[in-house]
Amino acid sequence: MKNRLRALVDQVLPDVLTELKVPSLKPHEIPYEVEWPKVKAHGDLSVNLAFQLGRELKQSPMDIARTCQRILSQKIRQGKEGSPWIEEITVARPGFINFKLTNSSIAKELLEIHRLDQEYGRSDLGRGAKVLIEFVSANPTGPLTIAHGRQAAIGDTLARILKVVAFQPHKEFYLNDMGRQIRLLGESLWARYQQLFGRKAELPEEGYEGDYLVELARRLKDEIGDRFLKQGASNNLAKISEYGIQSILSETKKDLSAMRVEFDEYFSEQSLEEAQLIDHVLDALKVRGCVYEADGALWFRATRFGDDKDRVLKKQTGEYTYLSSDIAYHESKFRRGYDRLINLWGPDHHGYIARVHAACQALGYSRDRLKILIVQLTTLYRHGELVRMSTRKGEFVTLRQLLDEVGVDATRFFFLMRKVESHLDFDLELATRKSDENPVYYVQYAYARISSILSYAKQKVTADVDLDLLREPEALDLIKKMVEYPDVLQQAADHLEPYRVVDYLRELATAFHKFYTTCRVVTQDEPLTKTRLLLTDSVRIVLRSGLEILGVSAPTSM
């Protein structure tokens, strides 16, 4: 419907511009929007064309809106658009052009939903563009936390949304499997391994203290006995580190799988060094005049590209900094042919955004091709009380613990309920409550109720119905809400905001529950029953699609 209205407005724009005495202005250059008004009194669709023209022409938006209203009304009366799909065009302050659609045109949208079924909501927005989404990317030094879990839910859902609107998403986990943190992991595991044999071994300074490492050392002892103990650390520290990496990564993959998150690739940082890509990008930056030497170190001229200070790429010791690896990693992404890059990082990486953007620009890539989203932290509450946690001593709530307590459906749904950049309060008690107060239960219950109705009806849903029988406001409002779905997906993809799908499903469930309360679906009136069954089944189609995109199950009974 939005596209149909846009096509109509585009047709009359040349006449509008002529009447406003600006025929030289190109219609395609006017960035107006067609929207679904939030207030019923504002009609079914609204256009902000008058505001856009008002800014350009320095004229009153209300005067421009009235001109548009008159010309649009003439077009509808005179042309093929006289078919009854627009009932009324009105103007509202400070310059909105509002459209009320006919009941029959609204009801006809059910036929499209029924015909498309699982394809409903899909579009060609992305036109096959390749997008690499990098998320979670936790250091393989410990279990996944709830912070990683929120990133996992958001990244995976973003990929699902992008795929539905014709992008080609690639989900990637960047594995930091070299450097200081890996050395500390190996030394910490070596200390725990020795302690199991009664040796007095101290953890390294800033080593890993969590109980998970004790369990890992115990598994290592069970597998190899005292072999490493006899051979000594100098001969086996690299093997111990690798054992720790692979063991923790294996558990990480299990936790992600339990969250219904599967990555297309786990990209190893070591592979950058093996391919000498770090040296390559530093050489490329040198050729471009973007590096210099000072105080025995190699520096990147980051300030040239908007960063607040220059950054070290190679230390006096000859070691690469983390930034060098990150630049090489992003060069690898671009080399692999991705049109757009999306990074999901934790809030502790906020200061890193400018320097990575600067590096990509220095290598010749447009700033617009890289989008970095900061996923804010999650705070857990139980019975209104804060669930305290500390990472200093390795004490924290793991993702696995959260999944075990509230389940994957509630975990994913709650992680997605807020904007990416907004802090999230996660109510553990609410997430397990079987009531309308629990948002995931509320949406799933709508789907289960529909499944029950369709099962009770014991008849096939067809499109051979009398749509004029759908006259109740609750029925028409429900259809209007369903018709918004394709646009919601496009907006979620455009703005990289999965919460829009969550909000939409909650609104759709509310609209259905209102309809169900007012209108009995299976009645003694056979034609009315058939029509309402088509409406009910259409809601099922949209709910199922939305829940699948969120990675949440659609139960047929509850």
Protein backbone atom coordinates (compact mmCIF):
# COMPACT_ATOMS: atom_id res chain seq x y z
CA MET A 1 0.00 0.00 0.00
CA LYS A 2 2.84 2.40 0.78
CA ASN A 3 4.39 1.72 -2.62
CA ARG A 4 1.03 2.18 -4.32
CA LEU A 5 0.52 5.55 -2.64
CA ARG A 6 4.08 6.62 -3.44
CA ALA A 7 3.46 5.80 -7.10
CA LEU A 8 0.33 7.97 -7.05
CA VAL A 9 2.14 10.91 -5.40
CA ASP A 10 5.01 10.57 -7.89
CA GLN A 11 2.49 10.83 -10.75
CA VAL A 12 1.09 14.15 -9.55
CA LEU A 13 4.37 15.71 -8.43
CA PRO A 14 5.12 17.36 -11.82
CA ASP A 15 1.66 19.03 -11.71
CA VAL A 16 2.23 20.12 -8.11
CA LEU A 17 5.62 21.64 -8.96
CA THR A 18 4.15 23.44 -11.98
CA GLU A 19 1.37 24.96 -9.89
CA LEU A 20 3.91 26.01 -7.26
CA LYS A 21 5.88 27.66 -10.08
CA VAL A 22 9.02 25.53 -9.63
CA PRO A 23 8.83 23.11 -12.61
CA SER A 24 12.63 23.00 -12.78
CA LEU A 25 12.74 21.11 -9.46
CA LYS A 26 13.17 17.38 -10.18
CA PRO A 27 10.51 15.16 -8.53
CA HIS A 28 13.02 12.38 -7.78
CA GLU A 29 15.14 14.85 -5.79
CA ILE A 30 12.40 15.41 -3.17
CA PRO A 31 13.05 12.99 -0.23
CA TYR A 32 9.49 12.68 1.06
CA GLU A 33 8.27 9.72 3.14
CA VAL A 34 5.07 7.69 3.23
CA GLU A 35 4.32 6.61 6.82
CA TRP A 36 1.82 4.66 8.89
CA PRO A 37 0.41 7.23 11.34
CA LYS A 38 0.44 6.23 15.00
CA VAL A 39 -2.78 8.18 15.68
CA LYS A 40 -5.96 6.81 14.07
CA ALA A 41 -7.37 10.29 13.54
CA HIS A 42 -4.53 10.96 11.12
CA GLY A 43 -5.78 8.35 8.65
CA ASP A 44 -4.24 5.14 7.37
CA LEU A 45 -1.24 6.60 5.52
CA SER A 46 0.48 9.95 5.74
CA VAL A 47 2.87 11.85 3.46
CA ASN A 48 5.34 14.54 4.59
CA LEU A 49 5.80 15.95 1.07
CA ALA A 50 4.69 19.46 2.05
CA PHE A 51 7.43 19.75 4.67
CA GLN A 52 10.13 18.75 2.20
CA LEU A 53 8.85 21.21 -0.42
CA GLY A 54 8.37 23.91 2.22
CA ARG A 55 12.04 23.78 3.18
CA GLU A 56 13.08 23.96 -0.48
CA LEU A 57 10.65 26.72 -1.51
CA LYS A 58 10.54 28.66 1.77
CA GLN A 59 6.72 28.46 1.65
CA SER A 60 4.07 27.44 4.17
CA PRO A 61 3.76 23.61 4.42
CA MET A 62 0.01 24.00 5.02
CA ASP A 63 -0.45 25.92 1.74
CA ILE A 64 1.63 23.36 -0.14
CA ALA A 65 -0.31 20.48 1.48
CA ARG A 66 -3.64 21.96 0.35
CA THR A 67 -2.34 22.27 -3.21
CA CYS A 68 -1.21 18.63 -3.13
CA GLN A 69 -4.56 17.57 -1.67
CA ARG A 70 -6.52 19.27 -4.47
CA ILE A 71 -4.40 17.85 -7.27
CA LEU A 72 -4.38 14.35 -5.79
CA SER A 73 -8.17 14.43 -5.40
CA GLN A 74 -8.55 15.47 -9.06
CA LYS A 75 -6.27 12.65 -10.13
CA ILE A 76 -8.30 10.08 -8.22
CA ARG A 77 -11.60 11.37 -9.65
CA GLN A 78 -10.39 11.55 -13.25
CA GLY A 79 -8.08 8.60 -13.73
CA LYS A 80 -7.82 4.88 -13.14
CA GLU A 81 -7.14 5.67 -9.52
CA GLY A 82 -10.89 6.25 -9.27
CA SER A 83 -11.13 2.60 -8.23
CA PRO A 84 -12.18 2.83 -4.59
CA TRP A 85 -9.00 2.38 -2.56
CA ILE A 86 -8.65 5.92 -1.23
CA GLU A 87 -11.74 7.14 0.59
CA GLU A 88 -10.55 10.56 1.73
CA ILE A 89 -7.56 12.92 1.61
CA THR A 90 -7.20 15.46 4.39
CA VAL A 91 -4.61 18.00 5.53
CA ALA A 92 -3.53 18.33 9.15
CA ARG A 93 -1.32 20.87 10.82
CA PRO A 94 1.45 21.66 10.48
CA GLY A 95 1.31 20.22 6.94
CA PHE A 96 0.66 16.47 6.84
CA ILE A 97 -1.29 15.01 3.93
CA ASN A 98 -3.34 12.13 5.33
CA PHE A 99 -5.10 9.35 3.43
CA LYS A 100 -8.02 7.23 4.64
CA LEU A 101 -8.27 3.96 2.70
CA THR A 102 -11.47 2.12 1.87
CA ASN A 103 -12.35 -0.94 3.91
CA SER A 104 -12.37 -3.13 0.81
CA SER A 105 -8.85 -2.09 -0.22
CA ILE A 106 -7.60 -2.87 3.29
CA ALA A 107 -9.31 -6.26 3.37
CA LYS A 108 -7.87 -7.23 -0.03
CA GLU A 109 -4.39 -7.28 1.51
CA LEU A 110 -5.34 -10.60 3.13
CA LEU A 111 -5.32 -12.22 -0.29
CA GLU A 112 -1.70 -11.11 -0.81
CA ILE A 113 -0.62 -12.43 2.59
CA HIS A 114 -2.39 -15.75 1.94
CA ARG A 115 -0.85 -16.05 -1.54
CA LEU A 116 2.70 -15.25 -0.50
CA ASP A 117 2.58 -17.21 2.79
CA GLN A 118 6.21 -17.66 3.94
CA GLU A 119 7.42 -15.16 1.34
CA TYR A 120 5.30 -12.34 2.78
CA GLY A 121 7.46 -9.49 4.02
CA ARG A 122 10.38 -10.24 1.75
CA SER A 123 11.70 -7.55 -0.58
CA ASP A 124 14.62 -6.81 -2.88
CA LEU A 125 15.94 -3.95 -0.74
CA GLY A 126 19.49 -5.33 -0.57
CA ARG A 127 19.68 -6.38 -4.22
CA GLY A 128 22.14 -9.14 -3.39
CA ALA A 129 24.73 -6.91 -1.66
CA LYS A 130 27.26 -8.90 0.40
CA VAL A 131 27.41 -7.92 4.07
CA LEU A 132 29.87 -9.26 6.65
CA ILE A 133 28.57 -9.09 10.22
CA GLU A 134 31.24 -9.64 12.86
CA PHE A 135 29.91 -10.16 16.38
CA VAL A 136 30.60 -11.81 19.74
CA SER A 137 34.31 -12.34 18.90
CA ALA A 138 34.99 -13.20 22.53
CA ASN A 139 38.58 -13.92 23.54
CA PRO A 140 38.92 -17.72 23.90
CA THR A 141 39.95 -17.32 27.52
CA GLY A 142 36.71 -18.08 29.36
CA PRO A 143 32.99 -18.86 29.10
CA LEU A 144 30.59 -16.59 27.25
CA THR A 145 28.91 -14.01 29.48
CA ILE A 146 25.47 -12.41 29.18
CA ALA A 147 27.16 -9.47 27.42
CA HIS A 148 28.31 -11.86 24.70
CA GLY A 149 24.83 -13.36 24.67
CA ARG A 150 23.19 -10.05 23.84
CA GLN A 151 25.66 -9.49 21.02
CA ALA A 152 24.93 -12.99 19.74
CA ALA A 153 21.17 -12.44 19.69
CA ILE A 154 21.46 -9.05 17.98
CA GLY A 155 24.05 -10.11 15.39
CA ASP A 156 22.23 -13.30 14.44
CA THR A 157 18.87 -11.53 14.17
CA LEU A 158 20.38 -8.76 12.07
CA ALA A 159 21.66 -11.41 9.67
CA ARG A 160 18.19 -12.98 9.49
CA ILE A 161 16.58 -9.60 8.79
CA LEU A 162 19.11 -8.70 6.10
CA LYS A 163 18.65 -12.06 4.39
CA VAL A 164 14.87 -11.60 4.21
CA VAL A 165 15.30 -8.26 2.39
CA ALA A 166 17.76 -9.63 -0.19
CA PHE A 167 21.18 -8.96 1.31
CA GLN A 168 23.74 -11.75 1.47
CA PRO A 169 24.88 -11.74 5.11
CA HIS A 170 27.97 -13.58 6.30
CA LYS A 171 28.25 -14.15 10.07
CA GLU A 172 31.80 -14.11 11.37
CA PHE A 173 33.44 -14.64 14.76
CA TYR A 174 36.92 -13.07 15.02
CA LEU A 175 39.07 -15.39 17.10
CA ASN A 176 41.77 -13.54 19.05
CA ASP A 177 44.05 -16.58 19.30
CA MET A 178 47.41 -14.85 19.72
CA GLY A 179 48.99 -12.21 21.89
CA ARG A 180 49.19 -11.41 25.59
CA GLN A 181 45.80 -12.81 26.63
CA ILE A 182 46.61 -16.18 25.09
CA ARG A 183 49.98 -16.27 26.85
CA LEU A 184 48.23 -15.51 30.16
CA LEU A 185 45.69 -18.26 29.44
CA GLY A 186 48.48 -20.79 28.90
CA GLU A 187 50.37 -19.72 32.03
CA SER A 188 47.19 -19.79 34.14
CA LEU A 189 46.24 -23.24 32.90
CA TRP A 190 49.81 -24.46 33.49
CA ALA A 191 49.62 -23.23 37.09
CA ARG A 192 46.29 -24.97 37.69
CA TYR A 193 47.62 -28.15 36.07
CA GLN A 194 50.61 -28.19 38.41
CA GLN A 195 48.42 -27.55 41.46
CA LEU A 196 46.47 -30.74 40.71
CA PHE A 197 49.71 -32.66 41.33
CA GLY A 198 50.32 -30.89 44.64
CA ARG A 199 52.85 -28.39 43.34
CA LYS A 200 52.92 -24.85 44.71
CA ALA A 201 52.30 -22.88 41.54
CA GLU A 202 51.18 -19.26 41.52
CA LEU A 203 48.92 -17.80 38.90
CA PRO A 204 50.64 -15.17 36.74
CA GLU A 205 49.95 -11.52 37.47
CA GLU A 206 46.59 -10.62 35.85
CA GLY A 207 46.04 -14.32 35.10
CA TYR A 208 42.64 -16.01 34.86
CA GLU A 209 41.19 -17.03 38.21
CA GLY A 210 37.82 -18.56 37.35
CA ASP A 211 36.78 -22.04 38.44
CA TYR A 212 36.33 -22.98 34.79
CA LEU A 213 40.12 -23.06 34.47
CA VAL A 214 40.43 -25.53 37.34
CA GLU A 215 37.97 -27.81 35.55
CA LEU A 216 39.91 -27.37 32.31
CA ALA A 217 43.16 -28.32 34.07
CA ARG A 218 41.45 -31.40 35.50
CA ARG A 219 40.38 -32.49 32.00
CA LEU A 220 43.91 -31.93 30.73
CA LYS A 221 45.29 -34.09 33.56
CA ASP A 222 42.78 -36.85 32.77
CA GLU A 223 43.83 -36.84 29.12
CA ILE A 224 47.65 -36.71 29.39
CA GLY A 225 48.45 -37.58 33.00
CA ASP A 226 51.72 -36.05 34.23
CA ARG A 227 53.46 -35.94 30.85
CA PHE A 228 53.65 -32.13 30.69
CA LEU A 229 54.77 -32.04 34.31
CA LYS A 230 57.81 -34.16 33.50
CA GLN A 231 58.67 -32.24 30.33
CA GLY A 232 58.34 -28.74 31.87
CA ALA A 233 56.60 -25.55 30.78
CA SER A 234 59.23 -24.38 28.29
CA ASN A 235 58.53 -27.36 26.05
CA ASN A 236 54.76 -27.38 26.38
CA LEU A 237 53.40 -23.88 27.11
CA ALA A 238 52.37 -23.37 23.47
CA LYS A 239 50.58 -26.76 23.51
CA ILE A 240 48.87 -25.91 26.80
CA SER A 241 47.71 -22.57 25.40
CA GLU A 242 46.36 -24.27 22.27
CA TYR A 243 44.60 -26.87 24.41
CA GLY A 244 42.96 -24.07 26.38
CA ILE A 245 41.92 -22.19 23.22
CA GLN A 246 40.36 -25.21 21.55
CA SER A 247 38.60 -26.41 24.72
CA ILE A 248 37.08 -23.01 25.46
CA LEU A 249 36.18 -22.48 21.80
CA SER A 250 34.39 -25.83 21.78
CA GLU A 251 32.28 -24.77 24.77
CA THR A 252 31.67 -21.39 23.14
CA LYS A 253 30.28 -23.07 20.03
CA LYS A 254 28.02 -25.27 22.16
CA ASP A 255 26.63 -22.24 24.01
CA LEU A 256 26.04 -20.37 20.75
CA SER A 257 24.36 -23.39 19.21
CA ALA A 258 22.08 -23.60 22.25
CA MET A 259 21.15 -19.97 21.47
CA ARG A 260 20.38 -20.98 17.86
CA VAL A 261 23.38 -19.01 16.61
CA GLU A 262 25.59 -20.62 14.00
CA PHE A 263 28.52 -18.73 12.50
CA ASP A 264 29.55 -19.03 8.86
CA GLU A 265 33.19 -18.65 9.83
CA TYR A 266 35.53 -18.46 12.80
CA PHE A 267 38.32 -16.23 11.52
CA SER A 268 41.66 -16.79 13.25
CA GLU A 269 43.90 -13.85 14.09
CA GLN A 270 46.88 -16.18 13.60
CA SER A 271 45.92 -16.54 9.94
CA LEU A 272 46.65 -12.83 9.42
CA GLU A 273 50.24 -13.32 10.55
CA GLU A 274 50.65 -16.53 8.60
CA ALA A 275 49.49 -14.76 5.43
CA GLN A 276 51.79 -11.80 6.27
CA LEU A 277 48.78 -9.54 5.87
CA ILE A 278 49.81 -7.35 8.80
CA ASP A 279 53.12 -6.52 7.09
CA HIS A 280 51.23 -5.93 3.85
CA VAL A 281 48.86 -3.32 5.30
CA LEU A 282 51.69 -1.54 7.12
CA ASP A 283 53.58 -1.36 3.82
CA ALA A 284 50.43 -0.06 2.10
CA LEU A 285 50.05 2.64 4.74
CA LYS A 286 53.73 3.59 4.32
CA VAL A 287 53.24 3.99 0.55
CA ARG A 288 50.29 6.28 1.24
CA GLY A 289 52.36 8.37 3.66
CA CYS A 290 50.16 7.43 6.59
CA VAL A 291 52.85 6.14 8.97
CA TYR A 292 55.98 7.54 10.56
CA GLU A 293 58.64 6.50 13.05
CA ALA A 294 59.11 8.16 16.41
CA ASP A 295 60.64 7.06 19.72
CA GLY A 296 61.66 3.76 18.15
CA ALA A 297 58.04 2.86 17.30
CA LEU A 298 55.94 2.91 14.12
CA TRP A 299 52.96 5.29 14.26
CA PHE A 300 49.76 5.64 12.22
CA ARG A 301 48.75 9.19 11.28
CA ALA A 302 45.21 8.63 12.56
CA THR A 303 44.61 12.36 13.19
CA ARG A 304 44.71 12.92 9.43
CA PHE A 305 41.45 10.92 9.23
CA GLY A 306 39.57 12.33 12.20
CA ASP A 307 40.97 10.44 15.20
CA ASP A 308 41.95 12.51 18.25
CA LYS A 309 45.58 11.32 18.25
CA ASP A 310 48.02 9.20 16.27
CA ARG A 311 48.31 5.50 17.16
CA VAL A 312 51.19 3.08 17.61
CA LEU A 313 51.24 0.20 15.12
CA LYS A 314 54.55 -1.39 16.09
CA LYS A 315 56.12 -1.08 19.52
CA GLN A 316 59.80 -0.43 20.30
CA THR A 317 60.10 -4.16 21.03
CA GLY A 318 59.02 -5.00 17.47
CA GLU A 319 55.64 -6.35 18.62
CA TYR A 320 52.53 -5.41 16.68
CA THR A 321 49.75 -3.62 18.56
CA TYR A 322 46.17 -4.84 18.53
CA LEU A 323 45.39 -2.05 16.06
CA SER A 324 47.77 -3.51 13.49
CA SER A 325 45.93 -6.83 13.59
CA ASP A 326 42.56 -5.08 13.41
CA ILE A 327 43.61 -3.07 10.35
CA ALA A 328 44.80 -6.25 8.65
CA TYR A 329 41.57 -8.01 9.58
CA HIS A 330 39.44 -5.26 8.03
CA GLU A 331 41.63 -5.28 4.93
CA SER A 332 40.93 -9.03 4.75
CA LYS A 333 37.18 -8.36 4.91
CA PHE A 334 37.31 -5.87 2.05
CA ARG A 335 39.57 -8.16 0.01
CA ARG A 336 36.99 -10.91 0.29
CA GLY A 337 34.56 -8.79 -1.66
CA TYR A 338 32.06 -7.59 0.93
CA ASP A 339 30.11 -4.47 0.03
CA ARG A 340 29.39 -3.54 3.64
CA LEU A 341 30.93 -4.39 6.99
CA ILE A 342 29.02 -4.38 10.28
CA ASN A 343 30.87 -4.76 13.60
CA LEU A 344 29.10 -5.34 16.90
CA TRP A 345 31.36 -4.37 19.79
CA GLY A 346 31.01 -4.02 23.55
CA PRO A 347 31.03 -0.58 25.23
CA ASP A 348 34.67 -1.02 26.29
CA HIS A 349 35.58 -0.67 22.59
CA HIS A 350 33.84 2.68 22.08
CA GLY A 351 37.12 4.59 21.91
CA TYR A 352 38.33 2.23 19.22
CA ILE A 353 35.76 3.27 16.61
CA ALA A 354 37.54 6.39 15.34
CA ARG A 355 40.90 4.69 14.85
CA VAL A 356 39.48 1.74 12.89
CA HIS A 357 37.43 4.08 10.70
CA ALA A 358 40.58 6.15 10.17
CA ALA A 359 42.60 3.07 9.17
CA CYS A 360 40.01 1.93 6.64
CA GLN A 361 39.92 5.40 5.11
CA ALA A 362 43.72 5.47 4.99
CA LEU A 363 43.63 2.23 2.99
CA GLY A 364 41.27 3.84 0.48
CA TYR A 365 37.90 2.50 1.60
CA SER A 366 34.83 4.69 2.02
CA ARG A 367 33.82 5.39 5.60
CA ASP A 368 30.23 4.48 4.70
CA ARG A 369 31.18 0.86 4.03
CA LEU A 370 31.92 0.17 7.71
CA LYS A 371 29.25 0.47 10.40
CA ILE A 372 30.24 -0.11 14.02
CA LEU A 373 27.49 -0.69 16.58
CA ILE A 374 28.16 -0.56 20.31
CA VAL A 375 26.03 -3.13 22.13
CA GLN A 376 25.39 -1.83 25.61
CA LEU A 377 25.55 -4.03 28.69
CA THR A 378 22.78 -6.03 30.33
CA THR A 379 21.89 -5.89 34.02
CA LEU A 380 20.12 -8.88 35.57
CA TYR A 381 17.36 -8.49 38.16
CA ARG A 382 15.57 -11.12 40.22
CA HIS A 383 12.50 -10.18 42.30
CA GLY A 384 13.44 -6.54 41.80
CA GLU A 385 16.94 -7.05 43.22
CA LEU A 386 20.13 -6.55 41.24
CA VAL A 387 22.02 -9.79 40.52
CA ARG A 388 25.58 -8.78 41.33
CA MET A 389 28.52 -10.10 39.40
CA SER A 390 32.24 -9.42 39.22
CA THR A 391 34.73 -10.40 36.55
CA ARG A 392 37.75 -9.53 38.71
CA LYS A 393 37.84 -12.96 40.33
CA GLY A 394 36.28 -14.84 37.44
CA GLU A 395 32.84 -14.65 39.05
CA PHE A 396 30.15 -13.82 36.53
CA VAL A 397 26.81 -15.01 35.20
CA THR A 398 27.53 -17.08 32.13
CA LEU A 399 25.34 -17.28 29.06
CA ARG A 400 24.84 -20.98 29.74
CA GLN A 401 23.47 -20.23 33.23
CA LEU A 402 21.01 -17.72 31.78
CA LEU A 403 19.84 -20.17 29.11
CA ASP A 404 19.36 -22.89 31.71
CA GLU A 405 17.27 -20.59 33.92
CA VAL A 406 14.95 -18.83 31.45
CA GLY A 407 15.27 -20.79 28.18
CA VAL A 408 16.44 -19.77 24.73
CA ASP A 409 13.17 -18.14 23.60
CA ALA A 410 13.02 -15.69 26.50
CA THR A 411 16.77 -15.10 26.36
CA ARG A 412 16.74 -14.09 22.70
CA PHE A 413 13.49 -12.12 22.91
CA PHE A 414 14.56 -10.10 25.98
CA PHE A 415 18.03 -9.40 24.55
CA LEU A 416 16.35 -7.91 21.46
CA MET A 417 13.74 -5.73 23.18
CA ARG A 418 15.79 -2.53 23.35
CA LYS A 419 17.85 -0.49 20.93
CA VAL A 420 21.38 -1.77 20.48
CA GLU A 421 22.89 1.31 22.10
CA SER A 422 20.49 1.23 25.07
CA HIS A 423 21.30 -0.43 28.38
CA LEU A 424 19.10 -3.48 29.00
CA ASP A 425 17.51 -4.46 32.31
CA PHE A 426 16.76 -8.19 32.17
CA ASP A 427 14.06 -9.30 34.64
CA LEU A 428 14.68 -13.01 35.29
CA GLU A 429 11.39 -13.50 37.11
CA LEU A 430 9.39 -11.83 34.32
CA ALA A 431 11.16 -13.91 31.65
CA THR A 432 9.84 -17.15 33.15
CA ARG A 433 6.35 -15.92 34.05
CA LYS A 434 3.47 -17.55 32.15
CA SER A 435 1.27 -14.49 31.85
CA ASP A 436 0.49 -11.60 29.53
CA GLU A 437 3.04 -9.50 31.43
CA ASN A 438 5.82 -11.59 29.89
CA PRO A 439 6.25 -10.18 26.35
CA VAL A 440 7.59 -13.37 24.75
CA TYR A 441 4.82 -15.44 26.34
CA TYR A 442 2.26 -12.86 25.15
CA VAL A 443 3.37 -13.12 21.51
CA GLN A 444 3.77 -16.90 21.55
CA TYR A 445 0.36 -17.30 23.18
CA ALA A 446 -1.22 -15.38 20.29
CA TYR A 447 0.32 -17.89 17.88
CA ALA A 448 -0.78 -20.86 19.99
CA ARG A 449 -4.32 -19.47 20.26
CA ILE A 450 -4.52 -19.12 16.47
CA SER A 451 -3.28 -22.68 16.02
CA SER A 452 -6.01 -23.85 18.39
CA ILE A 453 -8.69 -21.91 16.49
CA LEU A 454 -7.60 -23.34 13.12
CA SER A 455 -7.51 -26.84 14.55
CA TYR A 456 -10.99 -26.43 16.07
CA ALA A 457 -12.45 -25.12 12.79
CA LYS A 458 -11.50 -28.35 10.97
CA GLN A 459 -11.68 -26.75 7.55
CA LYS A 460 -9.16 -25.62 4.98
CA VAL A 461 -8.42 -21.91 4.82
CA THR A 462 -9.03 -20.53 1.31
CA ALA A 463 -9.00 -17.16 -0.41
CA ASP A 464 -12.52 -17.75 -1.75
CA VAL A 465 -14.23 -15.51 0.79
CA ASP A 466 -16.42 -12.42 0.98
CA LEU A 467 -14.04 -9.71 2.21
CA ASP A 468 -16.89 -7.22 2.60
CA LEU A 469 -17.87 -9.15 5.72
CA LEU A 470 -14.82 -7.71 7.51
CA ARG A 471 -16.38 -4.50 8.81
CA GLU A 472 -15.48 -4.44 12.49
CA PRO A 473 -12.84 -1.84 13.47
CA GLU A 474 -10.87 -4.55 15.32
CA ALA A 475 -10.67 -6.68 12.15
CA LEU A 476 -9.64 -3.77 9.95
CA ASP A 477 -7.07 -2.54 12.47
CA LEU A 478 -5.61 -6.05 12.58
CA ILE A 479 -5.22 -6.13 8.80
CA LYS A 480 -3.62 -2.68 8.78
CA LYS A 481 -1.12 -3.87 11.36
CA MET A 482 -0.22 -6.90 9.22
CA VAL A 483 0.24 -4.72 6.15
CA GLU A 484 2.95 -2.80 8.00
CA TYR A 485 5.14 -5.91 8.29
CA PRO A 486 7.18 -5.60 5.04
CA ASP A 487 7.96 -1.99 5.89
CA VAL A 488 8.99 -2.91 9.44
CA LEU A 489 11.53 -5.38 8.05
CA GLN A 490 12.94 -2.80 5.65
CA GLN A 491 13.21 -0.21 8.42
CA ALA A 492 14.90 -2.73 10.70
CA ALA A 493 17.40 -3.50 7.93
CA ASP A 494 17.97 0.17 7.04
CA HIS A 495 18.63 1.21 10.63
CA LEU A 496 20.15 -2.10 11.82
CA GLU A 497 17.60 -2.24 14.65
CA PRO A 498 16.13 -5.68 15.45
CA TYR A 499 14.04 -4.23 18.29
CA ARG A 500 11.64 -2.89 15.64
CA VAL A 501 10.55 -6.45 14.84
CA VAL A 502 10.05 -7.20 18.54
CA ASP A 503 7.90 -4.10 19.01
CA TYR A 504 5.91 -4.93 15.89
CA LEU A 505 5.13 -8.49 17.00
CA ARG A 506 3.94 -7.26 20.38
CA GLU A 507 1.64 -4.75 18.66
CA LEU A 508 0.37 -7.41 16.25
CA ALA A 509 -0.35 -9.80 19.13
CA THR A 510 -2.26 -7.03 20.92
CA ALA A 511 -4.31 -6.30 17.78
CA PHE A 512 -5.13 -9.99 17.41
CA HIS A 513 -6.16 -10.43 21.05
CA LYS A 514 -8.49 -7.42 20.69
CA PHE A 515 -10.01 -8.90 17.54
CA TYR A 516 -10.43 -12.30 19.18
CA THR A 517 -12.15 -10.76 22.20
CA THR A 518 -14.64 -8.89 20.01
CA CYS A 519 -15.18 -11.22 17.05
CA ARG A 520 -15.86 -14.93 17.33
CA VAL A 521 -14.02 -16.69 14.49
CA VAL A 522 -15.93 -19.98 14.14
CA THR A 523 -19.65 -19.18 13.99
CA GLN A 524 -22.90 -20.61 12.61
CA ASP A 525 -22.53 -18.18 9.70
CA GLU A 526 -20.42 -20.18 7.21
CA PRO A 527 -19.38 -17.27 4.92
CA LEU A 528 -18.38 -15.15 7.92
CA THR A 529 -16.46 -18.06 9.44
CA LYS A 530 -14.50 -18.61 6.21
CA THR A 531 -13.60 -14.92 6.01
CA ARG A 532 -12.50 -14.69 9.64
CA LEU A 533 -10.48 -17.89 9.29
CA LEU A 534 -8.58 -16.30 6.40
CA LEU A 535 -7.89 -13.27 8.59
CA THR A 536 -6.80 -15.45 11.51
CA ASP A 537 -4.53 -17.60 9.37
CA SER A 538 -2.93 -14.48 7.90
CA VAL A 539 -1.99 -13.38 11.42
CA ARG A 540 -0.46 -16.82 11.94
CA ILE A 541 1.66 -16.37 8.79
CA VAL A 542 3.03 -13.00 9.92
CA LEU A 543 3.62 -14.06 13.53
CA ARG A 544 5.46 -17.19 12.41
CA SER A 545 7.67 -15.16 10.07
CA GLY A 546 8.52 -12.58 12.72
CA LEU A 547 9.28 -15.15 15.42
CA GLU A 548 11.50 -17.07 13.02
CA ILE A 549 13.46 -13.90 12.27
CA LEU A 550 13.95 -13.36 16.01
CA GLY A 551 15.10 -16.97 16.40
CA VAL A 552 12.17 -17.64 18.74
CA SER A 553 9.94 -20.71 18.50
CA ALA A 554 6.27 -20.56 17.46
CA PRO A 555 4.49 -23.11 19.70
CA THR A 556 1.14 -24.49 18.57
CA SER A 557 0.02 -25.07 22.15
CA MET A 558 0.89 -23.57 25.54
